[in-house]
């Protein structure tokens, strides 16, 4: 299994994306005292964690496929594809 699809890498991506999204929410609100945002972040993180685990176990080939942009992908779209240069 490539390093980019390891459970640790997936968990790290989930934590980082949750922190970034939370920072955007709370910076826009100007306060950390927003219970609905905390609940929303918890629900989103839990949902994405469960979904990611299920997909990784049931369809690991799908994750591998999504790590490579299609040949006809637009240049502006390629940075959004997670790739691991070590596999090339």
PDB file of N, CA and C in Angstrom:
ATOM      1  N   UNK A   1       0.850  -1.177   0.000  1.00  0.00           N
ATOM      2  CA  UNK A   1       0.000   0.000   0.000  1.00  0.00           C
ATOM      3  C   UNK A   1       0.896   1.241   0.000  1.00  0.00           C
ATOM      4  N   UNK A   2       0.665   2.213  -0.883  1.00  0.00           N
ATOM      5  CA  UNK A   2       1.482   3.414  -0.931  1.00  0.00           C
ATOM      6  C   UNK A   2       1.363   4.212   0.359  1.00  0.00           C
ATOM      7  N   UNK A   3       2.418   4.948   0.675  1.00  0.00           N
ATOM      8  CA  UNK A   3       2.426   5.746   1.905  1.00  0.00           C
ATOM      9  C   UNK A   3       1.296   6.753   1.927  1.00  0.00           C
ATOM     10  N   UNK A   4       0.889   7.257   0.769  1.00  0.00           N
ATOM     11  CA  UNK A   4      -0.146   8.286   0.729  1.00  0.00           C
ATOM     12  C   UNK A   4      -1.514   7.766   1.134  1.00  0.00           C
ATOM     13  N   UNK A   5      -1.715   6.446   1.105  1.00  0.00           N
ATOM     14  CA  UNK A   5      -3.006   5.895   1.502  1.00  0.00           C
ATOM     15  C   UNK A   5      -2.916   5.143   2.824  1.00  0.00           C
ATOM     16  N   UNK A   6      -1.841   5.324   3.570  1.00  0.00           N
ATOM     17  CA  UNK A   6      -1.732   4.659   4.860  1.00  0.00           C
ATOM     18  C   UNK A   6      -2.731   5.270   5.832  1.00  0.00           C
ATOM     19  N   UNK A   7      -3.148   4.507   6.819  1.00  0.00           N
ATOM     20  CA  UNK A   7      -4.101   5.039   7.794  1.00  0.00           C
ATOM     21  C   UNK A   7      -3.585   6.291   8.507  1.00  0.00           C
ATOM     22  N   UNK A   8      -2.295   6.331   8.776  1.00  0.00           N
ATOM     23  CA  UNK A   8      -1.719   7.496   9.449  1.00  0.00           C
ATOM     24  C   UNK A   8      -1.810   8.728   8.552  1.00  0.00           C
ATOM     25  N   UNK A   9      -1.495   8.564   7.266  1.00  0.00           N
ATOM     26  CA  UNK A   9      -1.567   9.690   6.328  1.00  0.00           C
ATOM     27  C   UNK A   9      -3.001  10.173   6.176  1.00  0.00           C
ATOM     28  N   UNK A  10      -3.949   9.236   6.102  1.00  0.00           N
ATOM     29  CA  UNK A  10      -5.359   9.625   5.989  1.00  0.00           C
ATOM     30  C   UNK A  10      -5.828  10.357   7.241  1.00  0.00           C
ATOM     31  N   UNK A  11      -5.431   9.866   8.412  1.00  0.00           N
ATOM     32  CA  UNK A  11      -5.817  10.515   9.665  1.00  0.00           C
ATOM     33  C   UNK A  11      -5.205  11.912   9.764  1.00  0.00           C
ATOM     34  N   UNK A  12      -3.958  12.030   9.342  1.00  0.00           N
ATOM     35  CA  UNK A  12      -3.303  13.335   9.369  1.00  0.00           C
ATOM     36  C   UNK A  12      -4.003  14.321   8.445  1.00  0.00           C
ATOM     37  N   UNK A  13      -4.373  13.870   7.243  1.00  0.00           N
ATOM     38  CA  UNK A  13      -5.116  14.743   6.321  1.00  0.00           C
ATOM     39  C   UNK A  13      -6.452  15.175   6.917  1.00  0.00           C
ATOM     40  N   UNK A  14      -7.124  14.243   7.586  1.00  0.00           N
ATOM     41  CA  UNK A  14      -8.412  14.566   8.203  1.00  0.00           C
ATOM     42  C   UNK A  14      -8.237  15.615   9.302  1.00  0.00           C
ATOM     43  N   UNK A  15      -7.225  15.442  10.139  1.00  0.00           N
ATOM     44  CA  UNK A  15      -6.976  16.399  11.219  1.00  0.00           C
ATOM     45  C   UNK A  15      -6.617  17.769  10.651  1.00  0.00           C
ATOM     46  N   UNK A  16      -5.725  17.791   9.677  1.00  0.00           N
ATOM     47  CA  UNK A  16      -5.306  19.066   9.092  1.00  0.00           C
ATOM     48  C   UNK A  16      -6.473  19.778   8.421  1.00  0.00           C
ATOM     49  N   UNK A  17      -7.259  19.044   7.657  1.00  0.00           N
ATOM     50  CA  UNK A  17      -8.385  19.687   6.978  1.00  0.00           C
ATOM     51  C   UNK A  17      -9.428  20.178   7.971  1.00  0.00           C
ATOM     52  N   UNK A  18      -9.643  19.451   9.063  1.00  0.00           N
ATOM     53  CA  UNK A  18     -10.590  19.893  10.082  1.00  0.00           C
ATOM     54  C   UNK A  18     -10.084  21.150  10.782  1.00  0.00           C
ATOM     55  N   UNK A  19      -8.803  21.197  11.078  1.00  0.00           N
ATOM     56  CA  UNK A  19      -8.217  22.382  11.723  1.00  0.00           C
ATOM     57  C   UNK A  19      -8.296  23.596  10.802  1.00  0.00           C
ATOM     58  N   UNK A  20      -7.978  23.405   9.534  1.00  0.00           N
ATOM     59  CA  UNK A  20      -8.041  24.524   8.587  1.00  0.00           C
ATOM     60  C   UNK A  20      -9.475  25.010   8.435  1.00  0.00           C
ATOM     61  N   UNK A  21     -10.405  24.094   8.273  1.00  0.00           N
ATOM     62  CA  UNK A  21     -11.803  24.484   8.121  1.00  0.00           C
ATOM     63  C   UNK A  21     -12.313  25.163   9.392  1.00  0.00           C
ATOM     64  N   UNK A  22     -11.927  24.636  10.549  1.00  0.00           N
ATOM     65  CA  UNK A  22     -12.307  25.258  11.815  1.00  0.00           C
ATOM     66  C   UNK A  22     -11.727  26.654  11.952  1.00  0.00           C
ATOM     67  N   UNK A  23     -10.476  26.831  11.525  1.00  0.00           N
ATOM     68  CA  UNK A  23      -9.854  28.161  11.582  1.00  0.00           C
ATOM     69  C   UNK A  23     -10.628  29.152  10.721  1.00  0.00           C
ATOM     70  N   UNK A  24     -11.027  28.723   9.546  1.00  0.00           N
ATOM     71  CA  UNK A  24     -11.817  29.601   8.671  1.00  0.00           C
ATOM     72  C   UNK A  24     -13.141  29.969   9.346  1.00  0.00           C
ATOM     73  N   UNK A  25     -13.825  28.989   9.901  1.00  0.00           N
ATOM     74  CA  UNK A  25     -15.104  29.250  10.571  1.00  0.00           C
ATOM     75  C   UNK A  25     -14.945  30.220  11.740  1.00  0.00           C
ATOM     76  N   UNK A  26     -13.985  29.916  12.621  1.00  0.00           N
ATOM     77  CA  UNK A  26     -13.858  30.715  13.838  1.00  0.00           C
ATOM     78  C   UNK A  26     -13.221  32.080  13.581  1.00  0.00           C
ATOM     79  N   UNK A  27     -12.346  32.178  12.600  1.00  0.00           N
ATOM     80  CA  UNK A  27     -11.812  33.497  12.243  1.00  0.00           C
ATOM     81  C   UNK A  27     -12.907  34.381  11.664  1.00  0.00           C
ATOM     82  N   UNK A  28     -13.762  33.792  10.846  1.00  0.00           N
ATOM     83  CA  UNK A  28     -14.871  34.558  10.284  1.00  0.00           C
ATOM     84  C   UNK A  28     -15.838  34.994  11.382  1.00  0.00           C
ATOM     85  N   UNK A  29     -16.038  34.149  12.392  1.00  0.00           N
ATOM     86  CA  UNK A  29     -16.957  34.474  13.482  1.00  0.00           C
ATOM     87  C   UNK A  29     -16.309  35.434  14.481  1.00  0.00           C
ATOM     88  N   UNK A  30     -14.984  35.391  14.565  1.00  0.00           N
ATOM     89  CA  UNK A  30     -14.282  36.244  15.516  1.00  0.00           C
ATOM     90  C   UNK A  30     -14.309  35.729  16.942  1.00  0.00           C
ATOM     91  N   UNK A  31     -14.729  34.497  17.132  1.00  0.00           N
ATOM     92  CA  UNK A  31     -14.796  33.915  18.469  1.00  0.00           C
ATOM     93  C   UNK A  31     -14.752  32.391  18.387  1.00  0.00           C
ATOM     94  N   UNK A  32     -14.256  31.797  19.471  1.00  0.00           N
ATOM     95  CA  UNK A  32     -14.291  30.342  19.586  1.00  0.00           C
ATOM     96  C   UNK A  32     -15.563  29.880  20.289  1.00  0.00           C
ATOM     97  N   UNK A  33     -16.315  30.826  20.833  1.00  0.00           N
ATOM     98  CA  UNK A  33     -17.540  30.511  21.576  1.00  0.00           C
ATOM     99  C   UNK A  33     -18.722  30.377  20.624  1.00  0.00           C
ATOM    100  N   UNK A  34     -18.669  29.363  19.800  1.00  0.00           N
ATOM    101  CA  UNK A  34     -19.727  29.115  18.819  1.00  0.00           C
ATOM    102  C   UNK A  34     -20.026  27.618  18.838  1.00  0.00           C
ATOM    103  N   UNK A  35     -20.895  27.177  19.729  1.00  0.00           N
ATOM    104  CA  UNK A  35     -21.164  25.738  19.895  1.00  0.00           C
ATOM    105  C   UNK A  35     -21.626  25.045  18.614  1.00  0.00           C
ATOM    106  N   UNK A  36     -22.398  25.731  17.781  1.00  0.00           N
ATOM    107  CA  UNK A  36     -22.874  25.108  16.543  1.00  0.00           C
ATOM    108  C   UNK A  36     -21.717  24.780  15.607  1.00  0.00           C
ATOM    109  N   UNK A  37     -20.711  25.628  15.566  1.00  0.00           N
ATOM    110  CA  UNK A  37     -19.547  25.370  14.711  1.00  0.00           C
ATOM    111  C   UNK A  37     -18.742  24.182  15.238  1.00  0.00           C
ATOM    112  N   UNK A  38     -18.604  24.089  16.565  1.00  0.00           N
ATOM    113  CA  UNK A  38     -17.900  22.945  17.145  1.00  0.00           C
ATOM    114  C   UNK A  38     -18.636  21.644  16.825  1.00  0.00           C
ATOM    115  N   UNK A  39     -19.955  21.688  16.950  1.00  0.00           N
ATOM    116  CA  UNK A  39     -20.751  20.502  16.627  1.00  0.00           C
ATOM    117  C   UNK A  39     -20.618  20.151  15.151  1.00  0.00           C
ATOM    118  N   UNK A  40     -20.669  21.156  14.301  1.00  0.00           N
ATOM    119  CA  UNK A  40     -20.538  20.936  12.861  1.00  0.00           C
ATOM    120  C   UNK A  40     -19.179  20.309  12.535  1.00  0.00           C
ATOM    121  N   UNK A  41     -18.104  20.852  13.110  1.00  0.00           N
ATOM    122  CA  UNK A  41     -16.774  20.282  12.864  1.00  0.00           C
ATOM    123  C   UNK A  41     -16.688  18.834  13.343  1.00  0.00           C
ATOM    124  N   UNK A  42     -17.269  18.544  14.494  1.00  0.00           N
ATOM    125  CA  UNK A  42     -17.238  17.172  15.011  1.00  0.00           C
ATOM    126  C   UNK A  42     -17.998  16.225  14.094  1.00  0.00           C
ATOM    127  N   UNK A  43     -19.171  16.645  13.636  1.00  0.00           N
ATOM    128  CA  UNK A  43     -19.974  15.796  12.755  1.00  0.00           C
ATOM    129  C   UNK A  43     -19.262  15.578  11.423  1.00  0.00           C
ATOM    130  N   UNK A  44     -18.709  16.634  10.856  1.00  0.00           N
ATOM    131  CA  UNK A  44     -17.995  16.515   9.579  1.00  0.00           C
ATOM    132  C   UNK A  44     -16.768  15.621   9.728  1.00  0.00           C
ATOM    133  N   UNK A  45     -15.979  15.822  10.780  1.00  0.00           N
ATOM    134  CA  UNK A  45     -14.773  15.009  10.986  1.00  0.00           C
ATOM    135  C   UNK A  45     -15.138  13.540  11.182  1.00  0.00           C
ATOM    136  N   UNK A  46     -16.172  13.274  11.962  1.00  0.00           N
ATOM    137  CA  UNK A  46     -16.607  11.898  12.188  1.00  0.00           C
ATOM    138  C   UNK A  46     -17.103  11.258  10.892  1.00  0.00           C
ATOM    139  N   UNK A  47     -17.920  11.998  10.154  1.00  0.00           N
ATOM    140  CA  UNK A  47     -18.453  11.472   8.893  1.00  0.00           C
ATOM    141  C   UNK A  47     -17.332  11.184   7.903  1.00  0.00           C
ATOM    142  N   UNK A  48     -16.414  12.123   7.753  1.00  0.00           N
ATOM    143  CA  UNK A  48     -15.315  11.923   6.803  1.00  0.00           C
ATOM    144  C   UNK A  48     -14.384  10.788   7.256  1.00  0.00           C
ATOM    145  N   UNK A  49     -14.178  10.664   8.553  1.00  0.00           N
ATOM    146  CA  UNK A  49     -13.350   9.568   9.061  1.00  0.00           C
ATOM    147  C   UNK A  49     -13.968   8.206   8.792  1.00  0.00           C
ATOM    148  N   UNK A  50     -15.264   8.094   9.058  1.00  0.00           N
ATOM    149  CA  UNK A  50     -15.971   6.822   8.801  1.00  0.00           C
ATOM    150  C   UNK A  50     -15.996   6.530   7.303  1.00  0.00           C
ATOM    151  N   UNK A  51     -16.360   7.542   6.507  1.00  0.00           N
ATOM    152  CA  UNK A  51     -16.411   7.368   5.050  1.00  0.00           C
ATOM    153  C   UNK A  51     -15.043   6.963   4.498  1.00  0.00           C
ATOM    154  N   UNK A  52     -14.004   7.657   4.938  1.00  0.00           N
ATOM    155  CA  UNK A  52     -12.657   7.347   4.459  1.00  0.00           C
ATOM    156  C   UNK A  52     -12.218   5.942   4.821  1.00  0.00           C
ATOM    157  N   UNK A  53     -12.560   5.511   6.016  1.00  0.00           N
ATOM    158  CA  UNK A  53     -12.208   4.160   6.449  1.00  0.00           C
ATOM    159  C   UNK A  53     -12.932   3.112   5.618  1.00  0.00           C
ATOM    160  N   UNK A  54     -14.221   3.334   5.383  1.00  0.00           N
ATOM    161  CA  UNK A  54     -15.002   2.384   4.584  1.00  0.00           C
ATOM    162  C   UNK A  54     -14.460   2.309   3.156  1.00  0.00           C
ATOM    163  N   UNK A  55     -14.212   3.451   2.547  1.00  0.00           N
ATOM    164  CA  UNK A  55     -13.705   3.466   1.167  1.00  0.00           C
ATOM    165  C   UNK A  55     -12.332   2.808   1.099  1.00  0.00           C
ATOM    166  N   UNK A  56     -11.472   3.079   2.078  1.00  0.00           N
ATOM    167  CA  UNK A  56     -10.128   2.490   2.077  1.00  0.00           C
ATOM    168  C   UNK A  56     -10.176   0.970   2.193  1.00  0.00           C
ATOM    169  N   UNK A  57     -11.138   0.451   2.939  1.00  0.00           N
ATOM    170  CA  UNK A  57     -11.235  -0.999   3.101  1.00  0.00           C
ATOM    171  C   UNK A  57     -11.957  -1.678   1.937  1.00  0.00           C
ATOM    172  N   UNK A  58     -13.007  -1.039   1.426  1.00  0.00           N
ATOM    173  CA  UNK A  58     -13.823  -1.662   0.394  1.00  0.00           C
ATOM    174  C   UNK A  58     -13.283  -1.397  -1.010  1.00  0.00           C
ATOM    175  N   UNK A  59     -12.778  -0.182  -1.249  1.00  0.00           N
ATOM    176  CA  UNK A  59     -12.318   0.206  -2.587  1.00  0.00           C
ATOM    177  C   UNK A  59     -10.954   0.901  -2.561  1.00  0.00           C
ATOM    178  N   UNK A  60      -9.897   0.221  -2.152  1.00  0.00           N
ATOM    179  CA  UNK A  60      -8.584   0.872  -2.133  1.00  0.00           C
ATOM    180  C   UNK A  60      -8.129   1.275  -3.539  1.00  0.00           C
ATOM    181  N   UNK A  61      -8.615   0.574  -4.563  1.00  0.00           N
ATOM    182  CA  UNK A  61      -8.269   0.915  -5.934  1.00  0.00           C
ATOM    183  C   UNK A  61      -8.841   2.275  -6.338  1.00  0.00           C
ATOM    184  N   UNK A  62      -9.970   2.649  -5.771  1.00  0.00           N
ATOM    185  CA  UNK A  62     -10.560   3.953  -6.045  1.00  0.00           C
ATOM    186  C   UNK A  62      -9.671   5.068  -5.512  1.00  0.00           C
ATOM    187  N   UNK A  63      -9.140   4.890  -4.325  1.00  0.00           N
ATOM    188  CA  UNK A  63      -8.233   5.889  -3.755  1.00  0.00           C
ATOM    189  C   UNK A  63      -6.995   6.020  -4.625  1.00  0.00           C
ATOM    190  N   UNK A  64      -6.443   4.891  -5.036  1.00  0.00           N
ATOM    191  CA  UNK A  64      -5.256   4.912  -5.892  1.00  0.00           C
ATOM    192  C   UNK A  64      -5.539   5.640  -7.206  1.00  0.00           C
ATOM    193  N   UNK A  65      -6.697   5.386  -7.796  1.00  0.00           N
ATOM    194  CA  UNK A  65      -7.064   6.032  -9.053  1.00  0.00           C
ATOM    195  C   UNK A  65      -7.207   7.541  -8.888  1.00  0.00           C
ATOM    196  N   UNK A  66      -7.761   7.958  -7.779  1.00  0.00           N
ATOM    197  CA  UNK A  66      -7.991   9.389  -7.546  1.00  0.00           C
ATOM    198  C   UNK A  66      -6.709  10.148  -7.241  1.00  0.00           C
ATOM    199  N   UNK A  67      -5.621   9.450  -7.019  1.00  0.00           N
ATOM    200  CA  UNK A  67      -4.336  10.098  -6.767  1.00  0.00           C
ATOM    201  C   UNK A  67      -3.615  10.478  -8.058  1.00  0.00           C
ATOM    202  N   UNK A  68      -4.196  10.130  -9.189  1.00  0.00           N
ATOM    203  CA  UNK A  68      -3.582  10.438 -10.483  1.00  0.00           C
ATOM    204  C   UNK A  68      -4.567  11.238 -11.322  1.00  0.00           C
ATOM    205  N   UNK A  69      -4.172  12.435 -11.754  1.00  0.00           N
ATOM    206  CA  UNK A  69      -5.088  13.211 -12.602  1.00  0.00           C
ATOM    207  C   UNK A  69      -5.229  12.561 -13.973  1.00  0.00           C
ATOM    208  N   UNK A  70      -6.380  12.713 -14.614  1.00  0.00           N
ATOM    209  CA  UNK A  70      -6.515  12.179 -15.964  1.00  0.00           C
ATOM    210  C   UNK A  70      -5.598  12.929 -16.922  1.00  0.00           C
ATOM    211  N   UNK A  71      -5.252  12.299 -18.016  1.00  0.00           N
ATOM    212  CA  UNK A  71      -4.328  12.900 -18.978  1.00  0.00           C
ATOM    213  C   UNK A  71      -4.874  14.201 -19.555  1.00  0.00           C
ATOM    214  N   UNK A  72      -6.193  14.317 -19.678  1.00  0.00           N
ATOM    215  CA  UNK A  72      -6.782  15.514 -20.267  1.00  0.00           C
ATOM    216  C   UNK A  72      -7.217  16.544 -19.215  1.00  0.00           C
ATOM    217  N   UNK A  73      -6.716  16.421 -17.980  1.00  0.00           N
ATOM    218  CA  UNK A  73      -7.094  17.363 -16.922  1.00  0.00           C
ATOM    219  C   UNK A  73      -6.530  18.747 -17.227  1.00  0.00           C
ATOM    220  N   UNK A  74      -7.288  19.760 -16.880  1.00  0.00           N
ATOM    221  CA  UNK A  74      -6.844  21.139 -17.066  1.00  0.00           C
ATOM    222  C   UNK A  74      -5.659  21.416 -16.142  1.00  0.00           C
ATOM    223  N   UNK A  75      -4.780  22.306 -16.575  1.00  0.00           N
ATOM    224  CA  UNK A  75      -3.580  22.620 -15.806  1.00  0.00           C
ATOM    225  C   UNK A  75      -3.942  23.180 -14.431  1.00  0.00           C
ATOM    226  N   UNK A  76      -4.987  24.010 -14.350  1.00  0.00           N
ATOM    227  CA  UNK A  76      -5.391  24.612 -13.090  1.00  0.00           C
ATOM    228  C   UNK A  76      -6.003  23.595 -12.132  1.00  0.00           C
ATOM    229  N   UNK A  77      -6.440  22.467 -12.640  1.00  0.00           N
ATOM    230  CA  UNK A  77      -7.105  21.468 -11.819  1.00  0.00           C
ATOM    231  C   UNK A  77      -6.116  20.472 -11.197  1.00  0.00           C
ATOM    232  N   UNK A  78      -4.946  20.297 -11.805  1.00  0.00           N
ATOM    233  CA  UNK A  78      -3.990  19.291 -11.341  1.00  0.00           C
ATOM    234  C   UNK A  78      -3.479  19.500  -9.915  1.00  0.00           C
ATOM    235  N   UNK A  79      -3.297  20.749  -9.430  1.00  0.00           N
ATOM    236  CA  UNK A  79      -2.827  20.895  -8.038  1.00  0.00           C
ATOM    237  C   UNK A  79      -3.809  20.362  -6.998  1.00  0.00           C
ATOM    238  N   UNK A  80      -5.074  20.183  -7.364  1.00  0.00           N
ATOM    239  CA  UNK A  80      -6.064  19.696  -6.422  1.00  0.00           C
ATOM    240  C   UNK A  80      -6.051  18.178  -6.288  1.00  0.00           C
ATOM    241  N   UNK A  81      -5.287  17.495  -7.117  1.00  0.00           N
ATOM    242  CA  UNK A  81      -5.181  16.048  -7.047  1.00  0.00           C
ATOM    243  C   UNK A  81      -4.025  15.700  -6.124  1.00  0.00           C
ATOM    244  N   UNK A  82      -4.301  14.873  -5.121  1.00  0.00           N
ATOM    245  CA  UNK A  82      -3.254  14.459  -4.191  1.00  0.00           C
ATOM    246  C   UNK A  82      -2.406  13.409  -4.895  1.00  0.00           C
ATOM    247  N   UNK A  83      -1.125  13.688  -5.002  1.00  0.00           N
ATOM    248  CA  UNK A  83      -0.255  12.698  -5.641  1.00  0.00           C
ATOM    249  C   UNK A  83       0.977  12.502  -4.788  1.00  0.00           C
ATOM    250  N   UNK A  84       1.593  11.376  -4.976  1.00  0.00           N
ATOM    251  CA  UNK A  84       2.804  11.028  -4.246  1.00  0.00           C
ATOM    252  C   UNK A  84       3.914  10.868  -5.268  1.00  0.00           C
ATOM    253  N   UNK A  85       4.854  11.795  -5.285  1.00  0.00           N
ATOM    254  CA  UNK A  85       5.930  11.802  -6.286  1.00  0.00           C
ATOM    255  C   UNK A  85       6.810  10.565  -6.177  1.00  0.00           C
ATOM    256  N   UNK A  86       6.838   9.930  -5.012  1.00  0.00           N
ATOM    257  CA  UNK A  86       7.693   8.749  -4.831  1.00  0.00           C
ATOM    258  C   UNK A  86       7.208   7.562  -5.656  1.00  0.00           C
ATOM    259  N   UNK A  87       5.929   7.550  -6.068  1.00  0.00           N
ATOM    260  CA  UNK A  87       5.395   6.438  -6.835  1.00  0.00           C
ATOM    261  C   UNK A  87       5.744   6.533  -8.301  1.00  0.00           C
ATOM    262  N   UNK A  88       6.156   7.686  -8.764  1.00  0.00           N
ATOM    263  CA  UNK A  88       6.428   7.878 -10.201  1.00  0.00           C
ATOM    264  C   UNK A  88       7.678   7.151 -10.638  1.00  0.00           C
TER     265      UNK A  88
END
